């Protein structure tokens, strides 16, 4: 892992693209990929390492695809009138 997840090693790849799944993303852009609240859905991985490596790569980019689902009733303030 000291080599494969090293952001400076990953950044040597031109046009590196890191695609990581996200479980939740808040309004400030913070994303979680391991848990929602106190419930873990996956193990802790190298998402941050690969994101840093892709950003440092010449022409590199990152992506956080996620599924849009609403599990609770919408907030009254955000409902259309």
PDB file of N, CA and C in Angstrom:
ATOM      1  N   UNK A   1       0.809  -1.193   0.000  1.00  0.00           N
ATOM      2  CA  UNK A   1       0.000   0.000   0.000  1.00  0.00           C
ATOM      3  C   UNK A   1       0.852   1.257   0.000  1.00  0.00           C
ATOM      4  N   UNK A   2       2.075   1.177   0.509  1.00  0.00           N
ATOM      5  CA  UNK A   2       2.905   2.367   0.536  1.00  0.00           C
ATOM      6  C   UNK A   2       3.273   2.799  -0.884  1.00  0.00           C
ATOM      7  N   UNK A   3       3.155   1.891  -1.853  1.00  0.00           N
ATOM      8  CA  UNK A   3       3.425   2.255  -3.239  1.00  0.00           C
ATOM      9  C   UNK A   3       2.132   2.456  -4.016  1.00  0.00           C
ATOM     10  N   UNK A   4       1.211   1.488  -3.940  1.00  0.00           N
ATOM     11  CA  UNK A   4       0.003   1.549  -4.757  1.00  0.00           C
ATOM     12  C   UNK A   4      -0.936   2.684  -4.368  1.00  0.00           C
ATOM     13  N   UNK A   5      -0.965   3.072  -3.105  1.00  0.00           N
ATOM     14  CA  UNK A   5      -1.846   4.154  -2.662  1.00  0.00           C
ATOM     15  C   UNK A   5      -1.100   5.459  -2.435  1.00  0.00           C
ATOM     16  N   UNK A   6       0.129   5.556  -2.892  1.00  0.00           N
ATOM     17  CA  UNK A   6       0.925   6.761  -2.698  1.00  0.00           C
ATOM     18  C   UNK A   6       0.494   7.825  -3.720  1.00  0.00           C
ATOM     19  N   UNK A   7      -0.060   8.952  -3.274  1.00  0.00           N
ATOM     20  CA  UNK A   7      -0.528   9.983  -4.211  1.00  0.00           C
ATOM     21  C   UNK A   7       0.554  10.491  -5.167  1.00  0.00           C
ATOM     22  N   UNK A   8       1.805  10.565  -4.718  1.00  0.00           N
ATOM     23  CA  UNK A   8       2.860  11.049  -5.622  1.00  0.00           C
ATOM     24  C   UNK A   8       3.180  10.024  -6.706  1.00  0.00           C
ATOM     25  N   UNK A   9       3.055   8.741  -6.398  1.00  0.00           N
ATOM     26  CA  UNK A   9       3.238   7.700  -7.420  1.00  0.00           C
ATOM     27  C   UNK A   9       2.069   7.741  -8.404  1.00  0.00           C
ATOM     28  N   UNK A  10       0.858   7.854  -7.888  1.00  0.00           N
ATOM     29  CA  UNK A  10      -0.329   7.924  -8.745  1.00  0.00           C
ATOM     30  C   UNK A  10      -0.289   9.154  -9.648  1.00  0.00           C
ATOM     31  N   UNK A  11       0.235  10.264  -9.136  1.00  0.00           N
ATOM     32  CA  UNK A  11       0.275  11.524  -9.891  1.00  0.00           C
ATOM     33  C   UNK A  11       1.224  11.453 -11.083  1.00  0.00           C
ATOM     34  N   UNK A  12       2.098  10.472 -11.139  1.00  0.00           N
ATOM     35  CA  UNK A  12       3.014  10.322 -12.281  1.00  0.00           C
ATOM     36  C   UNK A  12       2.277   9.874 -13.540  1.00  0.00           C
ATOM     37  N   UNK A  13       1.076   9.339 -13.361  1.00  0.00           N
ATOM     38  CA  UNK A  13       0.281   8.891 -14.504  1.00  0.00           C
ATOM     39  C   UNK A  13      -0.426  10.097 -15.116  1.00  0.00           C
ATOM     40  N   UNK A  14      -0.139  10.368 -16.375  1.00  0.00           N
ATOM     41  CA  UNK A  14      -0.798  11.493 -17.042  1.00  0.00           C
ATOM     42  C   UNK A  14      -2.295  11.194 -17.190  1.00  0.00           C
ATOM     43  N   UNK A  15      -3.108  12.224 -17.024  1.00  0.00           N
ATOM     44  CA  UNK A  15      -4.566  12.112 -17.184  1.00  0.00           C
ATOM     45  C   UNK A  15      -5.193  11.080 -16.246  1.00  0.00           C
ATOM     46  N   UNK A  16      -4.615  10.933 -15.078  1.00  0.00           N
ATOM     47  CA  UNK A  16      -5.155   9.996 -14.080  1.00  0.00           C
ATOM     48  C   UNK A  16      -6.578  10.417 -13.716  1.00  0.00           C
ATOM     49  N   UNK A  17      -7.485   9.468 -13.697  1.00  0.00           N
ATOM     50  CA  UNK A  17      -8.862   9.738 -13.309  1.00  0.00           C
ATOM     51  C   UNK A  17      -9.222   8.832 -12.139  1.00  0.00           C
ATOM     52  N   UNK A  18      -9.705   9.423 -11.050  1.00  0.00           N
ATOM     53  CA  UNK A  18     -10.145   8.665  -9.885  1.00  0.00           C
ATOM     54  C   UNK A  18     -11.663   8.727  -9.823  1.00  0.00           C
ATOM     55  N   UNK A  19     -12.298   7.578  -9.871  1.00  0.00           N
ATOM     56  CA  UNK A  19     -13.753   7.496  -9.768  1.00  0.00           C
ATOM     57  C   UNK A  19     -14.058   6.713  -8.501  1.00  0.00           C
ATOM     58  N   UNK A  20     -14.617   7.381  -7.517  1.00  0.00           N
ATOM     59  CA  UNK A  20     -14.954   6.767  -6.235  1.00  0.00           C
ATOM     60  C   UNK A  20     -16.446   6.914  -5.993  1.00  0.00           C
ATOM     61  N   UNK A  21     -17.055   5.906  -5.421  1.00  0.00           N
ATOM     62  CA  UNK A  21     -18.476   6.012  -5.113  1.00  0.00           C
ATOM     63  C   UNK A  21     -18.667   6.818  -3.830  1.00  0.00           C
ATOM     64  N   UNK A  22     -19.798   7.437  -3.713  1.00  0.00           N
ATOM     65  CA  UNK A  22     -20.133   8.205  -2.517  1.00  0.00           C
ATOM     66  C   UNK A  22     -21.490   7.744  -2.002  1.00  0.00           C
ATOM     67  N   UNK A  23     -21.591   7.609  -0.695  1.00  0.00           N
ATOM     68  CA  UNK A  23     -22.880   7.276  -0.083  1.00  0.00           C
ATOM     69  C   UNK A  23     -23.694   8.529   0.199  1.00  0.00           C
ATOM     70  N   UNK A  24     -22.991   9.573   0.634  1.00  0.00           N
ATOM     71  CA  UNK A  24     -23.643  10.858   0.935  1.00  0.00           C
ATOM     72  C   UNK A  24     -22.702  11.987   0.559  1.00  0.00           C
ATOM     73  N   UNK A  25     -23.265  13.091   0.084  1.00  0.00           N
ATOM     74  CA  UNK A  25     -22.504  14.314  -0.169  1.00  0.00           C
ATOM     75  C   UNK A  25     -23.309  15.458   0.423  1.00  0.00           C
ATOM     76  N   UNK A  26     -22.655  16.305   1.230  1.00  0.00           N
ATOM     77  CA  UNK A  26     -23.392  17.416   1.838  1.00  0.00           C
ATOM     78  C   UNK A  26     -23.298  18.670   0.964  1.00  0.00           C
ATOM     79  N   UNK A  27     -23.929  19.739   1.399  1.00  0.00           N
ATOM     80  CA  UNK A  27     -23.997  20.960   0.602  1.00  0.00           C
ATOM     81  C   UNK A  27     -22.648  21.657   0.438  1.00  0.00           C
ATOM     82  N   UNK A  28     -21.656  21.310   1.256  1.00  0.00           N
ATOM     83  CA  UNK A  28     -20.329  21.920   1.117  1.00  0.00           C
ATOM     84  C   UNK A  28     -19.409  21.072   0.237  1.00  0.00           C
ATOM     85  N   UNK A  29     -19.888  19.909  -0.230  1.00  0.00           N
ATOM     86  CA  UNK A  29     -19.089  19.048  -1.088  1.00  0.00           C
ATOM     87  C   UNK A  29     -18.351  17.944  -0.361  1.00  0.00           C
ATOM     88  N   UNK A  30     -18.517  17.855   0.948  1.00  0.00           N
ATOM     89  CA  UNK A  30     -17.891  16.757   1.695  1.00  0.00           C
ATOM     90  C   UNK A  30     -18.639  15.465   1.374  1.00  0.00           C
ATOM     91  N   UNK A  31     -17.877  14.403   1.145  1.00  0.00           N
ATOM     92  CA  UNK A  31     -18.486  13.124   0.777  1.00  0.00           C
ATOM     93  C   UNK A  31     -18.031  12.033   1.742  1.00  0.00           C
ATOM     94  N   UNK A  32     -18.901  11.063   1.939  1.00  0.00           N
ATOM     95  CA  UNK A  32     -18.542   9.887   2.720  1.00  0.00           C
ATOM     96  C   UNK A  32     -18.734   8.657   1.841  1.00  0.00           C
ATOM     97  N   UNK A  33     -17.786   7.728   1.941  1.00  0.00           N
ATOM     98  CA  UNK A  33     -17.858   6.507   1.149  1.00  0.00           C
ATOM     99  C   UNK A  33     -17.875   5.258   2.024  1.00  0.00           C
ATOM    100  N   UNK A  34     -17.722   5.431   3.332  1.00  0.00           N
ATOM    101  CA  UNK A  34     -17.651   4.266   4.211  1.00  0.00           C
ATOM    102  C   UNK A  34     -18.885   4.050   5.068  1.00  0.00           C
ATOM    103  N   UNK A  35     -19.500   5.131   5.539  1.00  0.00           N
ATOM    104  CA  UNK A  35     -20.605   4.959   6.488  1.00  0.00           C
ATOM    105  C   UNK A  35     -21.645   6.058   6.340  1.00  0.00           C
ATOM    106  N   UNK A  36     -22.822   5.752   6.858  1.00  0.00           N
ATOM    107  CA  UNK A  36     -23.891   6.744   6.985  1.00  0.00           C
ATOM    108  C   UNK A  36     -24.249   6.736   8.460  1.00  0.00           C
ATOM    109  N   UNK A  37     -24.040   7.862   9.110  1.00  0.00           N
ATOM    110  CA  UNK A  37     -24.231   7.906  10.551  1.00  0.00           C
ATOM    111  C   UNK A  37     -23.228   6.983  11.207  1.00  0.00           C
ATOM    112  N   UNK A  38     -23.689   6.082  12.036  1.00  0.00           N
ATOM    113  CA  UNK A  38     -22.793   5.147  12.707  1.00  0.00           C
ATOM    114  C   UNK A  38     -22.762   3.771  12.072  1.00  0.00           C
ATOM    115  N   UNK A  39     -23.397   3.607  10.921  1.00  0.00           N
ATOM    116  CA  UNK A  39     -23.469   2.301  10.271  1.00  0.00           C
ATOM    117  C   UNK A  39     -22.449   2.231   9.134  1.00  0.00           C
ATOM    118  N   UNK A  40     -21.515   1.276   9.225  1.00  0.00           N
ATOM    119  CA  UNK A  40     -20.503   1.114   8.187  1.00  0.00           C
ATOM    120  C   UNK A  40     -21.039   0.258   7.049  1.00  0.00           C
ATOM    121  N   UNK A  41     -20.810   0.716   5.816  1.00  0.00           N
ATOM    122  CA  UNK A  41     -21.256  -0.008   4.628  1.00  0.00           C
ATOM    123  C   UNK A  41     -20.094  -0.623   3.870  1.00  0.00           C
ATOM    124  N   UNK A  42     -18.886  -0.136   4.088  1.00  0.00           N
ATOM    125  CA  UNK A  42     -17.706  -0.698   3.425  1.00  0.00           C
ATOM    126  C   UNK A  42     -16.489  -0.443   4.298  1.00  0.00           C
ATOM    127  N   UNK A  43     -15.398  -1.086   3.950  1.00  0.00           N
ATOM    128  CA  UNK A  43     -14.165  -0.869   4.698  1.00  0.00           C
ATOM    129  C   UNK A  43     -13.505   0.441   4.308  1.00  0.00           C
ATOM    130  N   UNK A  44     -12.577   0.880   5.137  1.00  0.00           N
ATOM    131  CA  UNK A  44     -11.847   2.103   4.842  1.00  0.00           C
ATOM    132  C   UNK A  44     -10.836   1.786   3.754  1.00  0.00           C
ATOM    133  N   UNK A  45     -10.876   2.542   2.678  1.00  0.00           N
ATOM    134  CA  UNK A  45     -10.018   2.260   1.532  1.00  0.00           C
ATOM    135  C   UNK A  45      -9.100   3.419   1.195  1.00  0.00           C
ATOM    136  N   UNK A  46      -8.651   3.452  -0.026  1.00  0.00           N
ATOM    137  CA  UNK A  46      -7.699   4.460  -0.462  1.00  0.00           C
ATOM    138  C   UNK A  46      -8.328   5.579  -1.267  1.00  0.00           C
ATOM    139  N   UNK A  47      -9.612   5.869  -1.035  1.00  0.00           N
ATOM    140  CA  UNK A  47     -10.289   6.894  -1.825  1.00  0.00           C
ATOM    141  C   UNK A  47      -9.550   8.223  -1.790  1.00  0.00           C
ATOM    142  N   UNK A  48      -9.177   8.674  -0.612  1.00  0.00           N
ATOM    143  CA  UNK A  48      -8.508   9.977  -0.491  1.00  0.00           C
ATOM    144  C   UNK A  48      -7.167   9.970  -1.205  1.00  0.00           C
ATOM    145  N   UNK A  49      -6.418   8.874  -1.119  1.00  0.00           N
ATOM    146  CA  UNK A  49      -5.125   8.771  -1.795  1.00  0.00           C
ATOM    147  C   UNK A  49      -5.288   8.880  -3.313  1.00  0.00           C
ATOM    148  N   UNK A  50      -6.271   8.174  -3.848  1.00  0.00           N
ATOM    149  CA  UNK A  50      -6.479   8.201  -5.290  1.00  0.00           C
ATOM    150  C   UNK A  50      -7.018   9.555  -5.751  1.00  0.00           C
ATOM    151  N   UNK A  51      -7.836  10.191  -4.943  1.00  0.00           N
ATOM    152  CA  UNK A  51      -8.324  11.536  -5.292  1.00  0.00           C
ATOM    153  C   UNK A  51      -7.158  12.523  -5.327  1.00  0.00           C
ATOM    154  N   UNK A  52      -6.285  12.488  -4.323  1.00  0.00           N
ATOM    155  CA  UNK A  52      -5.118  13.378  -4.302  1.00  0.00           C
ATOM    156  C   UNK A  52      -4.199  13.104  -5.482  1.00  0.00           C
ATOM    157  N   UNK A  53      -3.946  11.838  -5.764  1.00  0.00           N
ATOM    158  CA  UNK A  53      -3.084  11.482  -6.887  1.00  0.00           C
ATOM    159  C   UNK A  53      -3.629  11.966  -8.214  1.00  0.00           C
ATOM    160  N   UNK A  54      -4.934  11.843  -8.411  1.00  0.00           N
ATOM    161  CA  UNK A  54      -5.552  12.293  -9.662  1.00  0.00           C
ATOM    162  C   UNK A  54      -5.480  13.817  -9.802  1.00  0.00           C
ATOM    163  N   UNK A  55      -5.710  14.537  -8.717  1.00  0.00           N
ATOM    164  CA  UNK A  55      -5.647  16.005  -8.766  1.00  0.00           C
ATOM    165  C   UNK A  55      -4.221  16.470  -9.074  1.00  0.00           C
ATOM    166  N   UNK A  56      -3.215  15.771  -8.540  1.00  0.00           N
ATOM    167  CA  UNK A  56      -1.814  16.146  -8.776  1.00  0.00           C
ATOM    168  C   UNK A  56      -1.303  15.714 -10.153  1.00  0.00           C
ATOM    169  N   UNK A  57      -2.015  14.810 -10.807  1.00  0.00           N
ATOM    170  CA  UNK A  57      -1.615  14.296 -12.117  1.00  0.00           C
ATOM    171  C   UNK A  57      -1.841  15.353 -13.200  1.00  0.00           C
ATOM    172  N   UNK A  58      -0.891  15.493 -14.154  1.00  0.00           N
ATOM    173  CA  UNK A  58      -1.128  16.423 -15.274  1.00  0.00           C
ATOM    174  C   UNK A  58      -2.368  15.996 -16.059  1.00  0.00           C
ATOM    175  N   UNK A  59      -3.375  16.845 -16.103  1.00  0.00           N
ATOM    176  CA  UNK A  59      -4.629  16.539 -16.797  1.00  0.00           C
ATOM    177  C   UNK A  59      -5.552  15.630 -16.012  1.00  0.00           C
ATOM    178  N   UNK A  60      -5.232  15.364 -14.756  1.00  0.00           N
ATOM    179  CA  UNK A  60      -6.026  14.441 -13.951  1.00  0.00           C
ATOM    180  C   UNK A  60      -7.348  15.037 -13.490  1.00  0.00           C
ATOM    181  N   UNK A  61      -8.283  14.162 -13.158  1.00  0.00           N
ATOM    182  CA  UNK A  61      -9.592  14.608 -12.662  1.00  0.00           C
ATOM    183  C   UNK A  61     -10.188  13.573 -11.718  1.00  0.00           C
ATOM    184  N   UNK A  62     -11.181  13.995 -10.970  1.00  0.00           N
ATOM    185  CA  UNK A  62     -11.849  13.120 -10.019  1.00  0.00           C
ATOM    186  C   UNK A  62     -13.352  13.148 -10.234  1.00  0.00           C
ATOM    187  N   UNK A  63     -14.014  12.110  -9.771  1.00  0.00           N
ATOM    188  CA  UNK A  63     -15.462  12.036  -9.896  1.00  0.00           C
ATOM    189  C   UNK A  63     -16.027  11.285  -8.694  1.00  0.00           C
ATOM    190  N   UNK A  64     -17.174  11.743  -8.188  1.00  0.00           N
ATOM    191  CA  UNK A  64     -17.892  11.086  -7.092  1.00  0.00           C
ATOM    192  C   UNK A  64     -19.305  10.738  -7.561  1.00  0.00           C
ATOM    193  N   UNK A  65     -19.488   9.688  -8.365  1.00  0.00           N
ATOM    194  CA  UNK A  65     -20.859   9.325  -8.753  1.00  0.00           C
ATOM    195  C   UNK A  65     -21.618   8.753  -7.556  1.00  0.00           C
ATOM    196  N   UNK A  66     -22.898   9.033  -7.496  1.00  0.00           N
ATOM    197  CA  UNK A  66     -23.715   8.470  -6.431  1.00  0.00           C
ATOM    198  C   UNK A  66     -25.158   8.372  -6.892  1.00  0.00           C
ATOM    199  N   UNK A  67     -25.893   7.522  -6.234  1.00  0.00           N
ATOM    200  CA  UNK A  67     -27.295   7.291  -6.547  1.00  0.00           C
ATOM    201  C   UNK A  67     -28.159   8.339  -5.841  1.00  0.00           C
ATOM    202  N   UNK A  68     -29.151   8.874  -6.522  1.00  0.00           N
ATOM    203  CA  UNK A  68     -30.061   9.833  -5.897  1.00  0.00           C
ATOM    204  C   UNK A  68     -31.256   9.059  -5.367  1.00  0.00           C
ATOM    205  N   UNK A  69     -31.368   9.043  -4.048  1.00  0.00           N
ATOM    206  CA  UNK A  69     -32.502   8.398  -3.392  1.00  0.00           C
ATOM    207  C   UNK A  69     -32.947   9.264  -2.239  1.00  0.00           C
ATOM    208  N   UNK A  70     -34.220   9.300  -2.008  1.00  0.00           N
ATOM    209  CA  UNK A  70     -34.751  10.046  -0.884  1.00  0.00           C
ATOM    210  C   UNK A  70     -35.428   9.054   0.037  1.00  0.00           C
ATOM    211  N   UNK A  71     -34.866   8.899   1.242  1.00  0.00           N
ATOM    212  CA  UNK A  71     -35.394   7.898   2.168  1.00  0.00           C
ATOM    213  C   UNK A  71     -36.407   8.478   3.142  1.00  0.00           C
ATOM    214  N   UNK A  72     -36.433   9.784   3.276  1.00  0.00           N
ATOM    215  CA  UNK A  72     -37.371  10.423   4.196  1.00  0.00           C
ATOM    216  C   UNK A  72     -38.217  11.431   3.436  1.00  0.00           C
ATOM    217  N   UNK A  73     -39.222  11.927   4.084  1.00  0.00           N
ATOM    218  CA  UNK A  73     -40.076  12.939   3.462  1.00  0.00           C
ATOM    219  C   UNK A  73     -39.261  14.201   3.200  1.00  0.00           C
ATOM    220  N   UNK A  74     -39.541  14.899   2.099  1.00  0.00           N
ATOM    221  CA  UNK A  74     -38.783  16.125   1.806  1.00  0.00           C
ATOM    222  C   UNK A  74     -39.034  17.193   2.854  1.00  0.00           C
ATOM    223  N   UNK A  75     -38.068  18.031   3.023  1.00  0.00           N
ATOM    224  CA  UNK A  75     -38.170  19.165   3.956  1.00  0.00           C
ATOM    225  C   UNK A  75     -39.235  20.125   3.428  1.00  0.00           C
ATOM    226  N   UNK A  76     -40.157  20.588   4.262  1.00  0.00           N
ATOM    227  CA  UNK A  76     -41.200  21.500   3.793  1.00  0.00           C
ATOM    228  C   UNK A  76     -40.637  22.760   3.132  1.00  0.00           C
ATOM    229  N   UNK A  77     -39.475  23.227   3.580  1.00  0.00           N
ATOM    230  CA  UNK A  77     -38.891  24.440   3.002  1.00  0.00           C
ATOM    231  C   UNK A  77     -38.434  24.230   1.581  1.00  0.00           C
ATOM    232  N   UNK A  78     -38.132  22.954   1.211  1.00  0.00           N
ATOM    233  CA  UNK A  78     -37.630  22.704  -0.140  1.00  0.00           C
ATOM    234  C   UNK A  78     -38.711  22.192  -1.083  1.00  0.00           C
ATOM    235  N   UNK A  79     -39.926  21.985  -0.581  1.00  0.00           N
ATOM    236  CA  UNK A  79     -41.010  21.506  -1.420  1.00  0.00           C
ATOM    237  C   UNK A  79     -41.569  22.619  -2.293  1.00  0.00           C
ATOM    238  N   UNK A  80     -41.899  22.290  -3.547  1.00  0.00           N
ATOM    239  CA  UNK A  80     -42.498  23.321  -4.422  1.00  0.00           C
ATOM    240  C   UNK A  80     -43.884  23.723  -3.896  1.00  0.00           C
ATOM    241  N   UNK A  81     -44.221  24.959  -4.069  1.00  0.00           N
ATOM    242  CA  UNK A  81     -45.528  25.469  -3.598  1.00  0.00           C
ATOM    243  C   UNK A  81     -46.592  25.285  -4.646  1.00  0.00           C
TER     244      UNK A  81
END
